[in-house]
N, C-alpha and C. Protein backbone atom coordinates (compact mmCIF):
# COMPACT_ATOMS: atom_id res chain seq x y z
N SER A 1 -4.53 -5.54 -25.34
CA SER A 1 -5.63 -4.01 -24.78
C SER A 1 -4.82 -3.13 -23.82
N ASN A 2 -5.27 -2.06 -24.06
CA ASN A 2 -4.11 -1.22 -22.92
C ASN A 2 -5.04 -1.19 -21.39
N GLN A 3 -6.16 -1.91 -21.49
CA GLN A 3 -6.65 -1.64 -20.21
C GLN A 3 -6.05 -2.92 -19.60
N LEU A 4 -5.70 -3.08 -17.99
CA LEU A 4 -5.54 -4.46 -17.55
C LEU A 4 -6.17 -4.49 -15.70
N LEU A 5 -6.17 -5.36 -15.56
CA LEU A 5 -6.75 -5.61 -14.41
C LEU A 5 -5.81 -6.43 -13.86
N SER A 6 -5.15 -6.30 -12.31
CA SER A 6 -4.24 -6.99 -11.96
C SER A 6 -4.07 -6.97 -10.38
N VAL A 7 -3.71 -7.88 -9.65
CA VAL A 7 -3.87 -8.19 -8.32
C VAL A 7 -2.12 -8.13 -7.79
N ALA A 8 -1.61 -7.80 -6.77
CA ALA A 8 -0.21 -7.88 -6.21
C ALA A 8 -0.25 -8.19 -4.60
N ILE A 9 0.37 -9.24 -4.01
CA ILE A 9 0.54 -9.19 -2.89
C ILE A 9 2.12 -8.63 -2.40
N ASN A 10 1.78 -7.94 -1.48
CA ASN A 10 3.19 -7.15 -0.72
C ASN A 10 3.48 -7.72 0.38
N GLY A 11 4.59 -6.70 1.03
CA GLY A 11 5.22 -7.57 2.00
C GLY A 11 6.51 -6.06 2.52
N GLY A 12 6.69 -5.93 3.24
CA GLY A 12 7.56 -4.76 4.27
C GLY A 12 7.79 -4.62 5.63
N ALA A 13 8.18 -3.64 5.58
CA ALA A 13 8.55 -2.94 6.98
C ALA A 13 7.38 -1.51 7.44
N PHE A 14 6.97 -1.24 8.39
CA PHE A 14 6.25 -0.12 8.80
C PHE A 14 6.68 0.37 10.24
N ALA A 15 6.71 1.59 9.87
CA ALA A 15 6.91 2.79 11.26
C ALA A 15 6.16 3.34 11.69
N TYR A 16 5.45 3.53 12.78
CA TYR A 16 5.13 4.15 13.75
C TYR A 16 5.46 4.70 14.66
N GLY A 17 5.48 5.99 15.00
CA GLY A 17 6.08 6.58 16.02
C GLY A 17 7.05 6.48 16.63
N ASP A 18 7.01 6.59 17.79
CA ASP A 18 8.82 6.34 17.94
C ASP A 18 9.48 5.15 18.27
N ASN A 19 10.34 4.44 17.71
CA ASN A 19 11.08 3.10 17.57
C ASN A 19 9.91 2.37 17.75
N ASN A 20 8.83 2.22 16.93
CA ASN A 20 7.96 1.14 17.06
C ASN A 20 7.79 0.62 15.11
N ILE A 21 8.41 -0.38 14.89
CA ILE A 21 8.51 -0.93 13.62
C ILE A 21 8.17 -2.36 13.30
N GLY A 22 7.28 -2.79 12.77
CA GLY A 22 6.60 -4.14 12.76
C GLY A 22 6.66 -4.66 10.81
N PRO A 23 6.34 -5.67 10.78
CA PRO A 23 6.18 -6.26 9.49
C PRO A 23 4.86 -5.55 8.92
N SER A 24 4.60 -6.02 7.72
CA SER A 24 3.56 -5.55 6.83
C SER A 24 3.22 -6.67 6.16
N VAL A 25 1.93 -6.73 5.50
CA VAL A 25 1.37 -7.56 4.64
C VAL A 25 0.13 -7.11 4.03
N GLY A 26 0.30 -7.13 2.99
CA GLY A 26 -1.09 -6.95 2.23
C GLY A 26 -1.28 -7.30 0.41
N ILE A 27 -2.78 -6.69 0.21
CA ILE A 27 -3.16 -7.12 -1.55
C ILE A 27 -3.39 -5.54 -1.95
N ASP A 28 -3.32 -5.50 -3.46
CA ASP A 28 -3.52 -4.76 -3.86
C ASP A 28 -4.05 -4.71 -5.06
N ILE A 29 -5.31 -4.45 -5.76
CA ILE A 29 -6.11 -4.40 -6.83
C ILE A 29 -6.03 -3.27 -7.41
N GLU A 30 -5.87 -3.49 -9.03
CA GLU A 30 -5.36 -2.58 -10.10
C GLU A 30 -6.12 -2.38 -11.18
N ALA A 31 -7.14 -1.72 -11.91
CA ALA A 31 -7.55 -1.57 -12.78
C ALA A 31 -6.63 0.05 -13.84
N ARG A 32 -6.10 -0.89 -14.93
CA ARG A 32 -4.99 0.55 -15.30
C ARG A 32 -5.31 0.77 -16.76
N HIS A 33 -5.52 1.68 -17.16
CA HIS A 33 -5.52 1.93 -19.29
C HIS A 33 -4.74 2.44 -19.34
N ASN A 34 -3.44 2.05 -19.58
CA ASN A 34 -2.05 2.69 -20.34
C ASN A 34 -1.10 3.42 -19.37
N ASN A 35 -0.90 4.61 -18.80
CA ASN A 35 -0.27 4.78 -17.98
C ASN A 35 -0.72 5.16 -16.44
N PHE A 36 -2.22 5.31 -16.80
CA PHE A 36 -2.98 5.48 -15.28
C PHE A 36 -4.19 4.42 -14.49
N GLY A 37 -3.76 4.35 -13.40
CA GLY A 37 -4.98 2.98 -12.73
C GLY A 37 -5.40 3.85 -11.70
N LEU A 38 -6.50 2.88 -11.05
CA LEU A 38 -7.17 3.05 -9.92
C LEU A 38 -6.85 2.03 -8.99
N TYR A 39 -6.43 1.83 -8.02
CA TYR A 39 -6.30 0.94 -6.89
C TYR A 39 -7.16 0.88 -5.73
N LEU A 40 -7.00 -0.21 -5.37
CA LEU A 40 -7.93 -0.70 -3.80
C LEU A 40 -6.94 -1.55 -3.06
N SER A 41 -6.80 -1.08 -1.94
CA SER A 41 -5.69 -1.87 -1.33
C SER A 41 -6.00 -2.39 0.13
N SER A 42 -5.57 -3.20 1.14
CA SER A 42 -5.70 -3.35 2.16
C SER A 42 -4.27 -4.27 2.60
N THR A 43 -3.92 -3.28 3.97
CA THR A 43 -2.23 -3.92 4.45
C THR A 43 -2.66 -3.78 5.67
N GLY A 44 -2.10 -5.28 6.37
CA GLY A 44 -2.07 -5.43 8.02
C GLY A 44 -0.65 -4.81 8.57
N ASN A 45 -0.59 -4.32 9.48
CA ASN A 45 0.99 -3.80 10.13
C ASN A 45 0.62 -4.06 11.47
N PHE A 46 1.83 -4.92 11.50
CA PHE A 46 1.95 -5.39 12.93
C PHE A 46 2.87 -4.98 13.85
N LEU A 47 2.81 -3.69 14.80
CA LEU A 47 3.83 -3.36 15.35
C LEU A 47 4.03 -3.97 16.84
N VAL A 48 5.41 -4.04 16.75
CA VAL A 48 6.16 -5.33 17.53
C VAL A 48 6.43 -4.42 19.03
N ASN A 49 6.75 -2.85 19.41
CA ASN A 49 6.38 -2.54 20.53
C ASN A 49 5.69 -1.61 21.18
N ASP A 50 4.51 -1.90 20.68
CA ASP A 50 3.08 -1.55 20.89
C ASP A 50 1.86 -2.14 22.05
N ASN A 51 1.30 -1.55 22.82
CA ASN A 51 0.04 -2.35 23.17
C ASN A 51 -0.90 -2.81 22.35
N ASN A 52 -1.20 -1.28 21.59
CA ASN A 52 -2.30 -1.41 20.38
C ASN A 52 -1.36 -1.96 19.28
N ASN A 53 -1.01 -3.14 19.14
CA ASN A 53 -0.02 -3.77 18.36
C ASN A 53 -0.56 -4.08 16.40
N ARG A 54 -1.67 -3.46 16.42
CA ARG A 54 -2.35 -3.84 14.93
C ARG A 54 -3.13 -2.40 14.34
N ILE A 55 -2.18 -2.07 13.07
CA ILE A 55 -3.09 -1.22 12.24
C ILE A 55 -3.56 -1.72 11.10
N ILE A 56 -4.44 -1.95 10.84
CA ILE A 56 -5.49 -2.13 9.55
C ILE A 56 -5.78 -1.25 8.31
N GLU A 57 -5.00 -0.89 7.24
CA GLU A 57 -5.47 0.23 6.51
C GLU A 57 -6.46 -0.33 5.09
N PHE A 58 -7.21 0.76 4.92
CA PHE A 58 -7.86 0.24 3.61
C PHE A 58 -7.75 1.56 2.62
N SER A 59 -6.90 1.99 1.39
CA SER A 59 -7.04 2.90 0.78
C SER A 59 -7.53 2.68 -1.06
N VAL A 60 -7.59 3.98 -1.20
CA VAL A 60 -8.35 3.85 -2.77
C VAL A 60 -7.65 5.20 -2.85
N GLY A 61 -7.28 4.91 -4.84
CA GLY A 61 -6.75 6.21 -5.21
C GLY A 61 -6.30 5.92 -6.86
N PRO A 62 -5.69 6.92 -7.17
CA PRO A 62 -5.08 6.91 -8.11
C PRO A 62 -3.49 6.68 -8.30
N ARG A 63 -2.93 6.02 -9.38
CA ARG A 63 -2.04 5.66 -9.88
C ARG A 63 -1.21 5.51 -10.87
N TRP A 64 -0.78 6.59 -10.99
CA TRP A 64 0.52 6.86 -12.49
C TRP A 64 2.08 6.19 -12.55
N TYR A 65 2.14 5.68 -13.69
CA TYR A 65 3.00 4.85 -14.01
C TYR A 65 3.90 5.62 -15.23
N ILE A 66 5.04 5.79 -14.91
CA ILE A 66 5.61 7.05 -15.58
C ILE A 66 7.25 6.23 -16.12
N GLY A 67 7.42 6.39 -17.39
CA GLY A 67 8.26 5.48 -18.04
C GLY A 67 7.82 4.40 -19.15
N ASN A 68 8.81 3.82 -19.39
CA ASN A 68 8.38 2.75 -20.57
C ASN A 68 8.24 1.17 -19.65
N LEU A 69 6.79 1.34 -19.66
CA LEU A 69 6.26 -0.04 -19.03
C LEU A 69 6.84 -1.19 -19.19
N LYS A 70 7.43 -1.79 -20.63
CA LYS A 70 7.86 -2.94 -20.59
C LYS A 70 10.03 -3.31 -19.96
N LYS A 71 10.08 -2.08 -19.58
CA LYS A 71 10.97 -1.94 -18.87
C LYS A 71 11.08 -1.72 -17.06
N LEU A 72 12.25 -0.99 -16.47
CA LEU A 72 11.99 -0.89 -15.43
C LEU A 72 11.31 0.98 -15.34
N SER A 73 10.36 1.01 -14.50
CA SER A 73 9.41 2.08 -14.39
C SER A 73 8.98 2.51 -13.58
N GLY A 74 8.52 4.16 -13.62
CA GLY A 74 8.47 4.17 -11.49
C GLY A 74 6.83 4.86 -11.42
N THR A 75 6.36 4.97 -9.97
CA THR A 75 4.99 4.76 -9.79
C THR A 75 4.68 6.22 -8.80
N ILE A 76 3.76 6.95 -9.28
CA ILE A 76 3.46 7.70 -7.74
C ILE A 76 1.74 7.61 -7.82
N GLU A 77 1.58 7.93 -6.09
CA GLU A 77 0.10 7.50 -6.01
C GLU A 77 -0.43 7.82 -5.22
N THR A 78 -1.68 8.26 -4.85
CA THR A 78 -2.14 9.17 -3.75
C THR A 78 -3.48 8.53 -3.18
N GLY A 79 -3.82 8.70 -2.26
CA GLY A 79 -4.96 8.11 -2.17
C GLY A 79 -5.85 8.54 -0.32
N LEU A 80 -7.11 7.99 -0.40
CA LEU A 80 -7.90 8.30 1.01
C LEU A 80 -7.67 6.76 1.55
N GLY A 81 -7.22 6.96 2.62
CA GLY A 81 -6.95 5.80 3.73
C GLY A 81 -8.72 5.98 4.88
N TYR A 82 -8.65 4.56 5.38
CA TYR A 82 -9.57 4.35 6.62
C TYR A 82 -8.60 3.33 7.62
N TYR A 83 -8.58 3.81 8.37
CA TYR A 83 -7.31 2.90 9.46
C TYR A 83 -8.02 2.62 10.60
N LEU A 84 -7.52 1.47 11.05
CA LEU A 84 -8.56 0.65 12.10
C LEU A 84 -6.97 0.66 12.95
N ARG A 85 -7.12 0.77 14.43
CA ARG A 85 -5.86 0.63 15.45
C ARG A 85 -6.21 -0.17 16.57
N GLY A 86 -6.16 -1.47 16.54
CA GLY A 86 -6.46 -2.37 17.92
C GLY A 86 -5.25 -3.26 18.31
N ASP A 87 -5.75 -3.95 19.41
CA ASP A 87 -4.93 -5.01 19.92
C ASP A 87 -5.47 -6.40 19.95
N ASN A 88 -5.41 -7.10 20.38
CA ASN A 88 -5.85 -8.51 20.71
C ASN A 88 -7.12 -8.84 21.00
N SER A 89 -8.02 -7.60 22.13
CA SER A 89 -9.41 -7.25 22.37
C SER A 89 -10.11 -6.85 20.93
N VAL A 90 -11.28 -6.71 20.94
CA VAL A 90 -11.93 -6.36 19.84
C VAL A 90 -12.22 -5.01 19.81
N GLN A 91 -11.79 -4.59 20.67
CA GLN A 91 -12.11 -2.79 20.56
C GLN A 91 -10.78 -2.58 19.37
N TYR A 92 -11.48 -1.42 18.72
CA TYR A 92 -10.61 -0.93 17.70
C TYR A 92 -10.71 0.79 17.90
N SER A 93 -9.85 1.66 17.21
CA SER A 93 -9.55 2.92 16.74
C SER A 93 -9.67 3.24 15.72
N GLU A 94 -10.75 4.24 15.02
CA GLU A 94 -11.05 4.54 13.76
C GLU A 94 -10.39 5.38 13.68
N ALA A 95 -9.75 6.20 12.47
CA ALA A 95 -9.23 7.07 11.72
C ALA A 95 -9.10 7.17 10.33
N PHE A 96 -9.34 8.69 9.94
CA PHE A 96 -9.42 8.40 8.48
C PHE A 96 -8.19 9.44 8.13
N GLY A 97 -7.34 8.95 6.82
CA GLY A 97 -6.22 9.86 6.58
C GLY A 97 -5.99 9.62 4.94
N ILE A 98 -4.93 10.97 4.64
CA ILE A 98 -4.27 10.55 3.29
C ILE A 98 -3.12 9.67 3.06
N ASN A 99 -2.59 9.22 1.98
CA ASN A 99 -1.76 8.85 1.86
C ASN A 99 -0.65 9.09 0.32
N LEU A 100 0.26 8.99 0.58
CA LEU A 100 1.60 9.41 -0.90
C LEU A 100 2.31 8.38 -0.84
N GLY A 101 2.33 7.44 -2.31
CA GLY A 101 3.56 6.94 -2.62
C GLY A 101 4.47 7.13 -3.60
N ALA A 102 5.58 6.25 -3.82
CA ALA A 102 6.07 6.25 -5.12
C ALA A 102 6.91 4.91 -4.64
N GLY A 103 7.25 4.44 -6.11
CA GLY A 103 7.97 3.05 -6.34
C GLY A 103 8.65 2.56 -7.50
N LEU A 104 8.99 1.42 -7.85
CA LEU A 104 9.70 1.16 -8.90
C LEU A 104 8.69 -0.21 -9.32
N ASN A 105 8.78 -0.53 -10.90
CA ASN A 105 7.91 -1.48 -11.04
C ASN A 105 9.06 -2.25 -12.59
N TYR A 106 8.96 -3.28 -12.25
CA TYR A 106 9.98 -4.15 -13.23
C TYR A 106 9.25 -5.39 -13.98
N PRO A 107 9.01 -5.73 -14.83
CA PRO A 107 8.34 -7.01 -15.48
C PRO A 107 9.17 -7.98 -15.42
N LEU A 108 8.79 -8.99 -14.64
CA LEU A 108 9.50 -10.23 -15.07
C LEU A 108 8.38 -11.43 -16.32
N THR A 109 8.05 -11.42 -16.19
CA THR A 109 7.49 -11.72 -17.64
C THR A 109 6.16 -11.01 -17.94
N LYS A 110 5.33 -11.85 -19.47
CA LYS A 110 4.11 -11.03 -19.57
C LYS A 110 3.22 -10.86 -18.46
N LYS A 111 2.92 -12.03 -17.70
CA LYS A 111 1.82 -11.99 -16.50
C LYS A 111 2.93 -11.32 -14.99
N PHE A 112 3.69 -10.97 -15.05
CA PHE A 112 3.80 -11.18 -13.68
C PHE A 112 5.12 -9.84 -13.52
N ASP A 113 4.98 -8.94 -12.84
CA ASP A 113 5.88 -7.77 -12.39
C ASP A 113 6.38 -8.08 -11.22
N ILE A 114 7.53 -7.43 -10.54
CA ILE A 114 7.90 -6.80 -9.04
C ILE A 114 8.10 -5.48 -8.88
N GLY A 115 7.74 -5.16 -7.56
CA GLY A 115 7.47 -3.48 -7.50
C GLY A 115 8.20 -3.48 -6.30
N LEU A 116 8.94 -2.37 -5.79
CA LEU A 116 9.32 -1.93 -4.76
C LEU A 116 8.30 -0.51 -4.66
N LYS A 117 8.14 -0.50 -3.18
CA LYS A 117 7.16 1.15 -2.93
C LYS A 117 7.29 1.48 -1.68
N GLY A 118 7.20 2.60 -1.54
CA GLY A 118 7.42 3.53 -0.15
C GLY A 118 6.38 4.28 -0.25
N LYS A 119 5.59 4.55 1.36
CA LYS A 119 4.24 5.09 1.20
C LYS A 119 4.39 6.05 2.44
N TYR A 120 3.84 7.11 2.37
CA TYR A 120 3.66 8.08 3.99
C TYR A 120 2.31 8.54 3.85
N HIS A 121 1.76 8.27 5.25
CA HIS A 121 0.36 8.04 6.21
C HIS A 121 0.51 9.13 6.89
N ILE A 122 -0.86 9.85 6.49
CA ILE A 122 -1.24 10.99 7.57
C ILE A 122 -2.86 10.68 8.39
N THR A 123 -2.81 10.28 9.20
CA THR A 123 -3.96 10.15 9.71
C THR A 123 -4.73 10.99 11.00
N ALA A 124 -5.79 11.14 10.71
CA ALA A 124 -6.54 12.01 12.36
C ALA A 124 -7.78 11.26 12.65
N GLY A 125 -7.58 10.99 13.85
CA GLY A 125 -8.84 10.13 14.11
C GLY A 125 -8.81 10.55 16.02
N ASP A 126 -10.18 9.98 16.61
CA ASP A 126 -10.38 10.29 17.99
C ASP A 126 -9.44 9.54 18.92
N TYR A 127 -8.69 8.60 18.38
CA TYR A 127 -7.81 7.94 19.60
C TYR A 127 -6.27 8.17 18.99
N PHE A 128 -6.03 8.59 17.52
CA PHE A 128 -4.87 8.61 17.33
C PHE A 128 -4.50 9.63 16.06
N THR A 129 -3.18 10.27 16.00
CA THR A 129 -2.91 11.23 15.00
C THR A 129 -2.03 10.78 15.06
N LYS A 130 -1.11 10.11 13.99
CA LYS A 130 0.24 9.86 13.47
C LYS A 130 0.64 10.15 12.12
N VAL A 131 1.59 10.40 11.96
CA VAL A 131 2.41 10.00 10.51
C VAL A 131 3.28 8.81 10.77
N HIS A 132 2.88 7.90 9.99
CA HIS A 132 3.87 6.99 9.39
C HIS A 132 4.01 6.49 8.22
N GLY A 133 5.09 5.75 8.27
CA GLY A 133 5.67 5.18 6.99
C GLY A 133 5.52 3.66 6.54
N ALA A 134 6.16 3.15 5.13
CA ALA A 134 6.06 2.11 4.94
C ALA A 134 6.75 1.83 4.05
N LEU A 135 7.57 0.71 3.68
CA LEU A 135 8.30 0.41 2.35
C LEU A 135 8.11 -1.21 2.47
N TYR A 136 7.42 -1.29 1.19
CA TYR A 136 6.60 -2.97 0.51
C TYR A 136 7.76 -3.23 -0.71
N PHE A 137 7.71 -4.61 -0.90
CA PHE A 137 8.30 -5.23 -1.78
C PHE A 137 6.94 -6.14 -1.88
N GLY A 138 6.99 -6.17 -3.74
CA GLY A 138 5.63 -6.82 -3.82
C GLY A 138 5.71 -7.65 -5.33
N LEU A 139 5.06 -8.61 -5.92
CA LEU A 139 4.53 -9.58 -6.81
C LEU A 139 3.17 -9.04 -7.25
N ARG A 140 3.06 -8.71 -8.59
CA ARG A 140 1.91 -8.18 -9.15
C ARG A 140 1.62 -9.39 -10.07
N TYR A 141 0.66 -9.77 -10.20
CA TYR A 141 -0.27 -10.54 -11.33
C TYR A 141 -1.27 -9.97 -12.13
N TYR A 142 -1.09 -10.09 -13.47
CA TYR A 142 -1.73 -9.16 -14.81
C TYR A 142 -2.96 -10.31 -14.97
N PHE A 143 -4.23 -10.63 -15.08
CA PHE A 143 -4.96 -11.50 -15.49
C PHE A 143 -4.96 -11.44 -16.70
N LYS A 144 -5.36 -10.61 -17.69
CA LYS A 144 -5.06 -10.17 -19.07
C LYS A 144 -3.91 -9.54 -19.55
N LYS A 145 -2.87 -9.79 -20.21
CA LYS A 145 -1.83 -8.91 -20.83
C LYS A 145 -1.20 -9.38 -22.07
């Protein structure tokens, strides 16, 4: 079938503001038909040089696959995001934003792909307005392929 449901676990690095870089970990669920997919993702970003040391992102949007999906292929995605920023207390500030990403996808087996993706976020909220970026590496599992 040309309809696929998959889940990916991603890890990488996140850059926010001036000299504020830290690790990221996330999950991405995708429903795809041929070369077009819709994704829902959540990522935790942990900033090492900031008292407000955590940004949690929830995004949803379309993803396009470019090229031969049985070999190395490219991806382009865009999305709407909801962002929570906070530290170890229970107080968070909220923001909404848009994001744009591009990446490479390579099938390891019939059920598993590996991917490399860069993503650019623009957020606007009451307490923070920032442009930030991330680079992720991940493993995707297909439930039925």
